[in-house]
Protein backbone atom coordinates (compact mmCIF):
# COMPACT_ATOMS: atom_id res chain seq x y z
CA MET A 1 57.89 63.25 -51.33
CA MET A 2 61.16 62.89 -49.27
CA LEU A 3 60.20 66.67 -47.88
CA ILE A 4 56.67 65.40 -46.39
CA ARG A 5 58.24 62.17 -44.88
CA LYS A 6 61.10 64.48 -43.58
CA SER A 7 58.62 66.89 -41.90
CA ILE A 8 56.08 64.60 -40.46
CA ALA A 9 59.32 62.83 -38.73
CA VAL A 10 59.94 66.19 -37.30
CA ILE A 11 56.69 66.79 -36.28
CA VAL A 12 56.46 63.64 -34.17
CA ALA A 13 60.22 63.86 -32.81
CA CYS A 14 58.72 66.87 -31.48
CA SER A 15 55.64 65.22 -30.05
CA PHE A 16 57.72 63.26 -27.98
CA LEU A 17 59.95 66.01 -26.91
CA LEU A 18 56.59 67.91 -25.89
CA SER A 19 55.26 65.02 -23.77
CA GLY A 20 58.49 64.30 -22.32
CA CYS A 21 58.90 67.79 -20.83
CA ALA A 22 54.89 67.72 -19.43
CA ALA A 23 56.00 64.77 -17.75
CA GLY A 24 58.83 66.32 -16.14
CA SER A 25 57.15 69.36 -14.67
CA SER A 26 54.21 67.23 -12.98
CA GLY A 27 56.89 64.91 -12.03
CA SER A 28 58.26 67.10 -9.72
CA SER A 29 55.21 66.95 -7.39
CA LYS A 30 54.60 63.03 -7.61
CA VAL A 31 56.74 59.79 -9.09
CA SER A 32 54.52 57.69 -10.58
CA ASP A 33 57.26 54.87 -11.15
CA GLY A 34 59.35 52.90 -8.48
CA PRO A 35 59.51 52.31 -5.12
CA GLN A 36 56.29 53.92 -3.51
CA LYS A 37 55.42 55.85 0.13
CA SER A 38 53.82 53.88 2.89
CA SER A 39 51.18 56.35 2.58
CA ALA A 40 50.42 55.01 -0.92
CA TYR A 41 49.44 51.70 0.65
CA VAL A 42 46.00 51.66 1.72
CA LYS A 43 45.07 48.92 3.89
CA ALA A 44 41.70 46.90 2.53
CA LYS A 45 38.92 47.16 5.15
CA PRO A 46 37.28 43.70 5.97
CA GLU A 47 34.14 43.24 4.29
CA ALA A 48 30.93 44.56 6.51
CA VAL A 49 28.14 41.93 7.61
CA VAL A 50 25.20 43.28 5.78
CA GLU A 51 22.53 43.46 8.56
CA ILE A 52 19.30 43.14 7.02
CA GLN A 53 16.65 45.14 9.41
CA LYS A 54 13.78 43.04 9.40
CA PRO A 55 12.31 40.94 12.47
CA LYS A 56 14.55 38.32 13.56
CA LEU A 57 12.04 34.91 12.49
CA ASP A 58 13.45 31.68 13.81
CA ILE A 59 13.65 28.43 11.50
CA ILE A 60 13.26 25.09 11.51
CA ILE A 61 14.73 22.71 9.15
CA PRO A 62 13.38 19.21 9.30
CA VAL A 63 16.11 16.50 8.27
CA PHE A 64 15.44 16.26 4.54
CA ASP A 65 13.12 13.91 2.52
CA PRO A 66 15.86 11.51 0.79
CA GLY A 67 14.03 11.09 -2.18
CA LEU A 68 13.93 7.23 -2.06
CA PRO A 69 11.49 5.52 -4.41
CA ASP A 70 8.58 3.31 -3.05
CA ASP A 71 9.54 0.57 -4.74
CA PRO A 72 13.26 -0.62 -3.24
CA GLU A 73 13.75 -2.74 -6.27
CA GLU A 74 13.78 0.82 -8.37
CA TYR A 75 17.05 1.79 -6.37
CA ALA A 76 19.43 0.16 -8.49
CA ASP A 77 18.04 1.55 -11.67
CA GLU A 78 18.26 5.19 -10.23
CA GLY A 79 21.37 4.39 -9.30
CA ILE A 80 20.77 5.28 -5.66
CA TRP A 81 22.34 3.79 -2.43
CA PRO A 82 19.81 4.07 0.26
CA GLU A 83 21.70 4.39 3.45
CA LEU A 84 23.86 6.99 1.90
CA ARG A 85 20.77 8.88 0.51
CA ARG A 86 19.36 8.41 4.16
CA ALA A 87 22.85 9.95 5.23
CA GLU A 88 22.47 12.56 2.75
CA ALA A 89 19.00 13.49 4.13
CA SER A 90 20.72 15.12 7.36
CA ARG A 91 23.56 16.54 5.50
CA PHE A 92 21.47 18.69 3.53
CA ALA A 93 19.58 19.88 6.29
CA TYR A 94 22.70 20.99 8.36
CA LYS A 95 24.06 22.31 4.84
CA MET A 96 21.25 24.31 4.32
CA LYS A 97 21.56 25.66 8.21
CA LEU A 98 24.91 26.65 7.55
CA ALA A 99 23.95 28.72 3.82
CA ILE A 100 21.04 30.35 6.05
CA GLU A 101 22.96 31.57 9.01
CA GLU A 102 25.43 33.02 6.30
CA THR A 103 22.88 35.52 4.96
CA ASN A 104 22.57 36.97 8.92
CA ALA A 105 18.57 37.75 7.75
CA PHE A 106 16.63 35.41 10.59
CA GLY A 107 17.37 34.67 13.85
CA ALA A 108 18.12 31.07 15.20
CA VAL A 109 18.23 28.61 12.51
CA ARG A 110 17.69 24.56 13.62
CA VAL A 111 17.94 21.54 12.21
CA MET A 112 14.89 18.67 13.54
CA PRO A 113 14.14 15.13 12.87
CA ASP A 114 10.64 16.32 11.78
CA ALA A 115 8.12 19.58 11.45
CA LYS A 116 6.86 18.99 14.99
CA ALA A 117 9.18 21.56 16.59
CA THR A 118 8.48 25.34 17.14
CA GLY A 119 9.60 27.96 14.39
CA ASP A 120 8.37 31.18 12.66
CA LEU A 121 9.63 29.58 9.29
CA TYR A 122 10.20 25.82 8.14
CA VAL A 123 12.25 24.90 5.35
CA VAL A 124 11.73 21.30 3.95
CA GLY A 125 13.73 20.35 1.61
CA LYS A 126 13.75 17.00 -0.55
CA ILE A 127 16.89 15.64 -2.46
CA ILE A 128 15.87 14.72 -6.40
CA GLU A 129 19.41 13.83 -7.45
CA SER A 130 22.63 13.54 -6.10
CA ASN A 131 25.57 11.27 -7.93
CA GLY A 132 28.64 13.50 -7.19
CA GLU A 133 27.98 15.27 -10.75
CA ASN A 134 24.95 16.47 -10.69
CA VAL A 135 22.76 17.96 -6.94
CA GLU A 136 18.85 19.04 -6.95
CA ILE A 137 16.91 19.67 -4.40
CA ASN A 138 13.46 20.74 -3.71
CA ILE A 139 12.92 23.45 -1.44
CA LYS A 140 9.66 23.97 0.23
CA VAL A 141 9.16 27.13 2.83
CA TYR A 142 6.29 27.44 4.95
CA ASP A 143 5.55 29.88 7.80
CA ILE A 144 3.97 29.06 10.96
CA SER A 145 0.63 30.19 9.87
CA GLY A 146 0.60 27.44 6.81
CA ASN A 147 1.35 29.90 4.00
CA LYS A 148 3.35 28.84 1.72
CA TRP A 149 6.47 31.41 0.77
CA PHE A 150 7.78 29.50 -2.36
CA ASP A 151 8.35 25.87 -3.70
CA LYS A 152 11.10 25.73 -5.97
CA THR A 153 13.89 23.20 -7.13
CA PHE A 154 17.78 24.23 -7.17
CA ASP A 155 20.05 22.17 -9.17
CA HIS A 156 23.98 22.63 -9.67
CA GLU A 157 26.19 20.79 -12.03
CA VAL A 158 29.91 20.27 -10.63
CA ALA A 159 32.54 22.10 -12.82
CA ALA A 160 34.47 19.42 -14.86
CA ASP A 161 37.97 20.79 -13.24
CA PHE A 162 36.62 21.40 -9.66
CA HIS A 163 38.43 18.33 -7.88
CA SER A 164 41.71 19.28 -9.76
CA ASN A 165 41.61 22.85 -8.71
CA ILE A 166 44.05 23.43 -5.93
CA ARG A 167 41.70 26.55 -5.11
CA ASN A 168 38.97 24.54 -4.04
CA LYS A 169 40.67 22.05 -1.58
CA GLY A 170 38.54 21.87 1.65
CA LYS A 171 35.19 23.34 -0.24
CA ASP A 172 32.07 21.20 -0.63
CA PRO A 173 31.08 21.12 -4.50
CA TYR A 174 27.30 21.09 -3.74
CA ASP A 175 27.49 24.40 -1.75
CA PRO A 176 26.14 26.72 -4.38
CA VAL A 177 23.06 24.80 -4.44
CA PHE A 178 22.55 25.54 -0.67
CA THR A 179 23.58 28.70 -1.51
CA ALA A 180 21.20 29.83 -4.00
CA ALA A 181 18.26 28.00 -1.84
CA ALA A 182 19.52 30.54 0.99
CA ASP A 183 19.31 33.50 -1.18
CA ARG A 184 15.80 33.11 -2.65
CA LEU A 185 14.88 32.97 1.23
CA VAL A 186 16.18 36.34 1.44
CA GLU A 187 14.73 37.81 -1.20
CA GLU A 188 11.28 36.54 -0.10
CA LEU A 189 12.04 37.53 3.30
CA MET A 190 12.23 41.16 1.96
CA ASP A 191 9.04 41.24 -0.24
CA GLN A 192 6.90 40.33 3.54
CA ASP A 193 5.42 43.08 5.28
CA ASP A 194 7.76 43.95 8.73
CA ALA A 195 4.30 44.23 10.55
CA GLN A 196 2.91 40.74 9.43
CA LEU A 197 6.03 39.23 10.31
CA THR A 198 5.96 40.36 13.90
CA LYS A 199 2.35 38.83 13.78
CA LEU A 200 3.71 35.85 12.65
CA GLN A 201 6.31 35.41 15.67
CA ALA A 202 3.22 36.00 18.27
CA LEU A 203 1.57 33.24 16.58
CA THR A 204 4.22 30.81 17.06
CA ASP A 205 3.99 31.81 20.69
CA LEU A 206 0.45 31.15 20.63
CA ARG A 207 0.77 27.86 18.58
CA PHE A 208 3.23 26.68 21.36
CA GLY A 209 0.98 27.53 23.73
CA GLU A 210 -1.99 25.66 22.31
CA ASN A 211 0.61 22.55 22.81
CA PHE A 212 -0.50 22.48 26.63
CA SER A 213 -3.86 24.21 26.84
CA GLU A 214 -5.97 24.42 23.66
CA GLN A 215 -8.27 25.80 25.67
CA ALA A 216 -6.32 28.63 26.80
CA PHE A 217 -4.45 29.18 23.57
CA SER A 218 -7.21 28.45 20.43
CA ARG A 219 -9.70 31.18 21.14
CA TYR A 220 -6.82 33.81 19.60
CA MET A 221 -6.53 32.28 16.58
CA LYS A 222 -8.33 31.42 13.37
CA ARG A 223 -8.42 28.28 10.98
CA LYS A 224 -9.59 28.17 7.60
CA GLY A 225 -8.43 25.93 4.75
CA GLY A 226 -5.28 24.56 6.77
CA LYS A 227 -4.17 28.36 7.62
CA VAL A 228 -4.03 29.83 10.83
CA SER A 229 -4.68 33.53 11.29
CA LEU A 230 -4.00 35.75 14.55
CA ILE A 231 -7.28 37.51 15.97
CA GLY A 232 -6.24 38.18 19.08
CA TYR A 233 -3.36 37.85 22.06
CA PRO A 234 -3.35 37.49 25.64
CA ASP A 235 -2.31 40.28 28.02
CA GLN A 236 1.63 40.51 28.83
CA ASP A 237 0.57 39.65 32.91
CA ASP A 238 -1.84 37.17 31.73
CA SER A 239 -0.04 34.23 34.20
CA MET A 240 -0.79 31.32 31.83
CA LEU A 241 1.00 33.11 29.10
CA LYS A 242 4.12 33.79 30.86
CA ARG A 243 4.01 30.14 31.85
CA VAL A 244 3.66 29.00 28.28
CA GLN A 245 6.80 31.74 27.89
CA ALA A 246 9.45 30.10 30.32
CA ILE A 247 8.24 26.61 28.94
CA ARG A 248 9.39 27.47 25.31
CA ILE A 249 12.51 29.30 26.60
CA ARG A 250 13.31 25.45 27.81
CA ASP A 251 12.42 24.38 24.91
CA GLN A 252 14.49 26.21 22.66
CA LEU A 253 17.31 25.49 24.74
CA PHE A 254 16.45 21.95 24.19
CA THR A 255 16.45 22.35 20.25
CA ASP A 256 19.50 24.23 20.44
CA ARG A 257 21.20 21.23 22.86
CA MET A 258 20.32 18.96 20.04
CA GLN A 259 22.22 20.80 17.11
CA PRO A 260 25.69 19.44 17.94
CA HIS A 261 23.81 15.83 16.68
CA TYR A 262 23.81 17.23 13.19
CA GLU A 263 27.31 19.12 13.42
CA GLN A 264 28.78 15.94 14.70
CA PHE A 265 27.16 13.60 12.51
CA ASN A 266 28.48 15.87 9.45
CA GLN A 267 31.57 15.54 10.76
CA GLN A 268 31.79 11.98 11.08
CA MET A 269 30.75 11.61 7.31
CA GLU A 270 32.98 14.35 6.14
CA GLU A 271 36.05 12.59 4.89
CA SER A 272 34.26 9.75 3.61
CA TYR A 273 31.71 11.36 2.10
CA THR A 274 34.06 13.89 0.26
CA MET A 275 36.10 10.86 -0.79
CA TRP A 276 32.41 9.53 -2.56
CA GLN A 277 31.97 12.78 -4.48
CA LYS A 278 34.95 12.63 -5.94
CA GLN A 279 34.92 9.32 -6.69
CA SER A 280 30.92 9.28 -7.87
CA PHE A 281 31.92 12.10 -9.83
CA ASN A 282 34.55 10.20 -11.47
CA GLU A 283 32.22 7.28 -12.08
CA VAL A 284 29.46 9.25 -13.64
CA ARG A 285 31.88 10.88 -16.36
CA ALA A 286 33.05 7.69 -17.17
CA ALA A 287 29.96 5.62 -17.56
CA ARG A 288 28.67 8.27 -19.87
CA GLU A 289 31.67 8.34 -21.87
CA ALA A 290 31.70 4.36 -21.98
CA ARG A 291 28.14 4.78 -22.65
CA ASN A 292 28.27 7.22 -25.68
CA ALA A 293 31.15 5.19 -26.98
CA ALA A 294 29.42 2.38 -26.93
CA ILE A 295 26.34 3.93 -28.92
CA GLY A 296 28.32 5.30 -31.40
CA LYS A 297 30.23 1.91 -31.74
CA ALA A 298 26.77 0.32 -32.23
CA VAL A 299 25.49 2.41 -34.71
CA ALA A 300 28.53 2.41 -37.01
CA GLY A 301 28.56 -1.39 -36.77
CA VAL A 302 24.56 -1.71 -37.91
CA GLY A 303 25.68 0.76 -40.69
CA LEU A 304 28.47 -1.11 -41.67
CA ILE A 305 26.26 -4.42 -41.27
CA ALA A 306 23.81 -2.28 -43.97
CA VAL A 307 26.47 -1.49 -46.19
CA ALA A 308 27.06 -5.48 -46.38
CA VAL A 309 23.60 -6.52 -47.07
CA LEU A 310 23.53 -3.90 -49.69
CA SER A 311 26.54 -4.72 -51.10
CA ALA A 312 25.26 -8.20 -51.73
CA ILE A 313 22.00 -7.15 -53.06
CA ALA A 314 24.14 -5.55 -55.53
CA GLY A 315 26.46 -8.11 -56.34
CA ALA A 316 23.09 -10.44 -56.40
CA ARG A 317 21.92 -8.12 -59.52
CA SER A 318 25.56 -7.38 -61.68
CA ASN A 319 25.37 -9.19 -64.96
CA THR A 320 29.16 -9.73 -64.53
CA TYR A 321 31.36 -11.97 -62.78
CA GLY A 322 34.05 -9.13 -61.40
CA GLY A 323 30.56 -7.54 -60.07
CA ALA A 324 29.03 -10.09 -58.80
CA SER A 325 32.66 -11.33 -56.99
CA ALA A 326 33.45 -7.59 -55.66
CA GLY A 327 29.94 -7.22 -54.26
CA THR A 328 29.95 -10.43 -52.31
CA THR A 329 33.58 -9.65 -51.29
CA GLY A 330 32.50 -6.08 -49.84
CA ALA A 331 29.61 -7.64 -48.16
CA ILE A 332 31.64 -9.94 -45.91
CA VAL A 333 34.14 -7.82 -45.38
CA ALA A 334 31.73 -4.83 -44.26
CA GLY A 335 29.81 -7.51 -42.19
CA GLN A 336 32.62 -8.69 -40.49
CA ILE A 337 34.00 -4.92 -39.13
CA GLY A 338 30.34 -4.46 -38.45
CA ALA A 339 30.09 -7.59 -36.34
CA GLY A 340 33.30 -7.08 -34.49
CA MET A 341 32.23 -3.39 -33.97
CA LEU A 342 28.73 -4.73 -32.68
CA GLY A 343 30.96 -7.19 -29.94
CA GLU A 344 33.18 -4.03 -28.92
CA SER A 345 29.95 -2.06 -28.38
CA SER A 346 28.92 -5.27 -25.92
CA LYS A 347 31.85 -4.95 -24.14
CA MET A 348 31.78 -1.28 -23.55
CA SER A 349 27.99 -1.43 -22.67
CA GLU A 350 29.72 -4.17 -19.55
CA GLU A 351 32.01 -1.13 -18.59
CA ALA A 352 29.16 1.17 -18.42
CA LYS A 353 27.34 -1.41 -16.49
CA PHE A 354 30.74 -1.62 -14.06
CA HIS A 355 30.44 1.95 -13.65
CA ARG A 356 27.11 1.52 -12.53
CA GLU A 357 27.45 -1.25 -10.04
CA ALA A 358 30.37 0.70 -8.50
CA LEU A 359 28.02 3.70 -7.71
CA ASP A 360 25.28 1.51 -5.89
CA GLU A 361 28.39 -0.25 -3.91
CA LEU A 362 29.29 3.21 -2.87
CA GLY A 363 28.14 4.71 0.67
CA GLN A 364 27.62 3.64 4.08
CA SER A 365 25.16 2.85 6.80
CA ILE A 366 25.42 5.81 9.54
CA ASP A 367 24.00 5.32 13.31
CA GLY A 368 21.15 8.24 13.34
CA GLU A 369 21.01 7.20 17.64
CA MET A 370 21.76 10.32 19.66
CA ALA A 371 23.59 9.55 23.31
CA PRO A 372 21.00 9.50 26.13
CA GLN A 373 20.88 12.81 27.85
CA VAL A 374 18.94 13.62 31.16
CA VAL A 375 17.05 16.78 31.25
CA ASP A 376 15.58 18.27 34.05
CA PHE A 377 12.76 21.06 34.41
CA GLU A 378 12.18 22.34 38.38
CA LYS A 379 13.86 20.30 39.93
CA THR A 380 12.31 16.97 38.19
CA THR A 381 14.51 15.09 35.47
CA THR A 382 14.10 12.75 33.17
CA LYS A 383 15.99 10.15 30.79
CA LEU A 384 15.73 10.63 27.12
CA THR A 385 16.89 8.08 25.11
CA GLY A 386 16.73 6.57 21.18
CA SER A 387 17.04 8.81 17.85
CA ALA A 388 16.84 12.37 17.67
CA LYS A 389 13.13 11.89 16.70
CA GLU A 390 12.22 9.76 19.78
CA GLN A 391 14.14 11.75 22.51
CA PHE A 392 12.38 15.01 21.09
CA ALA A 393 8.86 13.20 21.56
CA GLN A 394 9.98 12.25 25.23
CA TRP A 395 11.02 15.75 25.81
CA ARG A 396 7.57 17.40 24.70
CA ALA A 397 5.58 14.82 26.78
CA PHE A 398 7.76 15.54 29.80
CA LEU A 399 7.09 19.47 29.03
CA LYS A 400 3.36 18.42 28.89
CA SER A 401 3.53 16.87 32.19
CA MET A 402 5.11 19.52 33.89
CA TYR A 403 2.72 21.92 32.60
CA GLU A 404 -0.36 19.81 34.01
CA GLN A 405 1.44 19.41 37.33
CA GLU A 406 1.28 23.38 37.61
CA ALA A 407 -1.93 23.55 36.27
CA THR A 408 -3.26 21.28 38.97
CA PRO A 409 -2.27 22.24 42.39
CA ASP A 410 -2.67 19.79 45.35
CA VAL A 411 -5.73 19.61 46.76
CA GLN A 412 -5.94 19.61 50.60
CA LEU A 413 -8.08 16.83 52.42
């Protein structure tokens, strides 16, 4: 037995020596340990931006539906602060714009006050829930023909350690929900036929032209069941088409000029909104914990009161003095403890109510008015005032008056 052990030891020792020799023979050409040569360091190449080869559709994102109940009395019941929700409606539309632009799969992405602006695609959003911990939005996407690409709800729960993690500084805890929606939009784009997407862009031109002259452009489109299809297209040299295309370029420039309004709106509310997200996140979790603790206390209290009742019954049925006395004592003690727990539960329910009220008080009203602006078209100027929605309506009316002036030349008497 001793001989066998020695033999094994010799074999193991030889194995180490052989492996060392092998390392030595190969080590003459390359040393794996110690400082490396400069050529050994390979610089990481920046991640290339993926260019999706599809027709670049322009997107309109109307300000989100804030998702407010029809009855204002329900705001408090659902934990909704209406002014904050209205501010979120603009913020969410802008965040959706940023997420879609990150995909690099579309043309111009513009936030507008409603869906009356002209684009190839419309991304229509609604806020279902936003309480700092949970965010849920519904996204409907339609193209200019009225065809629905998808109708889907996206939700996200903020991680418990999000706000305490230093790596998340400067990040929006809601970003994943917008990224998910943008990714889904790209998936739908990839499933679309390129020729059909090109037709959509032509249809957009005609529908824009129809704003100014139904007689000239409606004949190239067919309407059925709320959808519009392309059945023809004017000659590229058509004077009215050229006129409308020139007007559309000015319209696009105007909508581009509106984008800083939504960007500035988002920047103005950034600091207070970020603070609200963090505070509301903590309030929601605290309220839930208080509510769960209150339920646990109440259940335990009810259970002990039930024990007290049973103890009293058992004591009453006992034939001995000791048994009756013990039953009565048990009933009194259990009843007192149970009543105490119910009282404590009531206090904790008040704490939960306090948290709900604190959530209602978070939020502020943010002015949606745009600064007045003077616009011009072919030496004619006008001043636009009011909200973004009002200014866009005034702009479209101005464009139509310019088109009609061009279409109706002066008559010489």
